[in-house]
C-alpha atoms as a PDB file:
ATOM      1  CA  ASP A   1      16.249  -7.620 -22.461  1.00  0.00           C
ATOM      2  CA  ILE A   2      14.547  -8.656 -19.298  1.00  0.00           C
ATOM      3  CA  VAL A   3      14.783  -6.272 -16.338  1.00  0.00           C
ATOM      4  CA  PRO A   4      14.820  -8.250 -13.081  1.00  0.00           C
ATOM      5  CA  ILE A   5      12.470  -6.958 -10.390  1.00  0.00           C
ATOM      6  CA  PRO A   6      14.019  -6.863  -6.999  1.00  0.00           C
ATOM      7  CA  HIS A   7      12.318  -9.250  -4.430  1.00  0.00           C
ATOM      8  CA  GLU A   8      12.832  -7.164  -1.392  1.00  0.00           C
ATOM      9  CA  GLU A   9       9.700  -5.496   0.254  1.00  0.00           C
ATOM     10  CA  ASP A  10       9.459  -1.695  -0.216  1.00  0.00           C
ATOM     11  CA  TYR A  11      11.994  -1.471  -2.918  1.00  0.00           C
ATOM     12  CA  GLN A  12      10.707   1.576  -4.531  1.00  0.00           C
ATOM     13  CA  THR A  13       9.252   3.570  -1.685  1.00  0.00           C
ATOM     14  CA  ARG A  14      12.571   5.584  -1.193  1.00  0.00           C
ATOM     15  CA  TYR A  15      12.040   7.125  -4.586  1.00  0.00           C
ATOM     16  CA  ALA A  16       8.433   8.300  -3.533  1.00  0.00           C
ATOM     17  CA  ALA A  17       9.813   9.850  -0.354  1.00  0.00           C
ATOM     18  CA  ARG A  18      12.643  11.686  -2.297  1.00  0.00           C
ATOM     19  CA  LEU A  19      10.066  12.973  -4.764  1.00  0.00           C
ATOM     20  CA  ARG A  20       7.662  14.018  -1.983  1.00  0.00           C
ATOM     21  CA  THR A  21      10.563  16.001  -0.408  1.00  0.00           C
ATOM     22  CA  ASP A  22      11.895  17.595  -3.644  1.00  0.00           C
ATOM     23  CA  THR A  23       8.603  18.417  -5.294  1.00  0.00           C
ATOM     24  CA  THR A  24       5.122  19.865  -4.549  1.00  0.00           C
ATOM     25  CA  VAL A  25       3.309  17.233  -6.650  1.00  0.00           C
ATOM     26  CA  PRO A  26       1.285  14.445  -4.927  1.00  0.00           C
ATOM     27  CA  VAL A  27       3.276  11.210  -4.826  1.00  0.00           C
ATOM     28  CA  ALA A  28       2.161   7.622  -4.496  1.00  0.00           C
ATOM     29  CA  ALA A  29       4.459   4.864  -3.126  1.00  0.00           C
ATOM     30  CA  VAL A  30       4.722   1.498  -4.825  1.00  0.00           C
ATOM     31  CA  GLY A  31       7.007  -1.398  -4.849  1.00  0.00           C
ATOM     32  CA  ARG A  32       5.791  -4.449  -2.850  1.00  0.00           C
ATOM     33  CA  VAL A  33       4.333  -2.674   0.102  1.00  0.00           C
ATOM     34  CA  LYS A  34       2.806  -5.740   1.690  1.00  0.00           C
ATOM     35  CA  ASN A  35       1.393  -4.743   5.143  1.00  0.00           C
ATOM     36  CA  ALA A  36      -0.855  -2.198   6.575  1.00  0.00           C
ATOM     37  CA  ARG A  37       1.516  -0.903   9.125  1.00  0.00           C
ATOM     38  CA  ARG A  38       4.166  -0.001   6.484  1.00  0.00           C
ATOM     39  CA  ALA A  39       1.563   1.701   4.207  1.00  0.00           C
ATOM     40  CA  ALA A  40       0.268   3.702   7.194  1.00  0.00           C
ATOM     41  CA  GLU A  41       3.774   4.584   8.144  1.00  0.00           C
ATOM     42  CA  LEU A  42       4.500   5.921   4.631  1.00  0.00           C
ATOM     43  CA  LEU A  43       1.593   8.212   4.816  1.00  0.00           C
ATOM     44  CA  SER A  44       2.050   9.358   8.478  1.00  0.00           C
ATOM     45  CA  ASN A  45       5.715  10.109   7.992  1.00  0.00           C
ATOM     46  CA  GLY A  46       4.889  12.245   4.899  1.00  0.00           C
ATOM     47  CA  GLU A  47       6.961   9.921   2.649  1.00  0.00           C
ATOM     48  CA  ALA A  48       3.993   9.629   0.304  1.00  0.00           C
ATOM     49  CA  ASP A  49       0.444  10.948  -0.346  1.00  0.00           C
ATOM     50  CA  ALA A  50      -0.955   7.563  -1.309  1.00  0.00           C
ATOM     51  CA  VAL A  51       0.239   3.897  -1.285  1.00  0.00           C
ATOM     52  CA  PHE A  52      -0.809   1.649  -4.149  1.00  0.00           C
ATOM     53  CA  VAL A  53      -0.919  -1.914  -3.065  1.00  0.00           C
ATOM     54  CA  GLY A  54      -2.079  -3.483  -6.350  1.00  0.00           C
ATOM     55  CA  ARG A  55       0.000  -6.767  -6.178  1.00  0.00           C
ATOM     56  CA  GLU A  56      -1.291  -7.443  -2.693  1.00  0.00           C
ATOM     57  CA  MET A  57      -4.810  -6.740  -3.649  1.00  0.00           C
ATOM     58  CA  LEU A  58      -4.526  -9.309  -6.468  1.00  0.00           C
ATOM     59  CA  ARG A  59      -3.234 -11.913  -4.008  1.00  0.00           C
ATOM     60  CA  ASP A  60      -5.845 -11.107  -1.450  1.00  0.00           C
ATOM     61  CA  PRO A  61      -8.971  -9.183  -2.490  1.00  0.00           C
ATOM     62  CA  SER A  62      -9.753  -8.799   1.172  1.00  0.00           C
ATOM     63  CA  TRP A  63      -6.532  -6.994   1.893  1.00  0.00           C
ATOM     64  CA  ALA A  64      -8.176  -3.732   2.813  1.00  0.00           C
ATOM     65  CA  ASN A  65     -10.386  -5.419   5.423  1.00  0.00           C
ATOM     66  CA  HIS A  66      -7.338  -7.362   6.801  1.00  0.00           C
ATOM     67  CA  ALA A  67      -5.440  -3.988   6.939  1.00  0.00           C
ATOM     68  CA  SER A  68      -8.256  -2.383   8.931  1.00  0.00           C
ATOM     69  CA  ARG A  69      -8.072  -5.058  11.505  1.00  0.00           C
ATOM     70  CA  GLU A  70      -4.294  -5.049  11.645  1.00  0.00           C
ATOM     71  CA  LEU A  71      -4.497  -1.270  12.252  1.00  0.00           C
ATOM     72  CA  GLY A  72      -7.249  -1.498  14.882  1.00  0.00           C
ATOM     73  CA  GLU A  73     -10.050  -0.379  12.850  1.00  0.00           C
ATOM     74  CA  ALA A  74     -13.378  -1.988  11.951  1.00  0.00           C
ATOM     75  CA  PRO A  75     -13.317  -3.525   8.482  1.00  0.00           C
ATOM     76  CA  ARG A  76     -15.928  -2.181   6.038  1.00  0.00           C
ATOM     77  CA  PHE A  77     -18.057  -4.920   4.522  1.00  0.00           C
ATOM     78  CA  LEU A  78     -20.021  -4.199   1.419  1.00  0.00           C
ATOM     79  CA  GLU A  79     -23.543  -5.645   1.497  1.00  0.00           C
ATOM     80  CA  GLN A  80     -23.078  -6.645  -2.186  1.00  0.00           C
ATOM     81  CA  TYR A  81     -20.492  -9.116  -1.158  1.00  0.00           C
ATOM     82  CA  ALA A  82     -22.183 -10.539   1.902  1.00  0.00           C
ATOM     83  CA  TYR A  83     -22.770 -13.844   0.156  1.00  0.00           C
ATOM     84  CA  ALA A  84     -18.975 -14.505   0.094  1.00  0.00           C
ATOM     85  CA  LEU A  85     -18.697 -14.172   3.826  1.00  0.00           C
END
């Protein structure tokens, strides 16, 4: 059987928040977290200890640098990849 994956953003983060509240183990949020502000919000609100953004990193390998800019931070460029800039 094929299990459909919901299309809405953040569709699993509520489970991370619940586990974070009910347990003492570190919890990572997943589930189509697409933007840096939402990821930062999950961390600052204590809903998760980490946010995994694998799908977005596959779509945009520079996601972390774009997220830095979105949050008002300086992006970190690795010298090894300077040729790509």
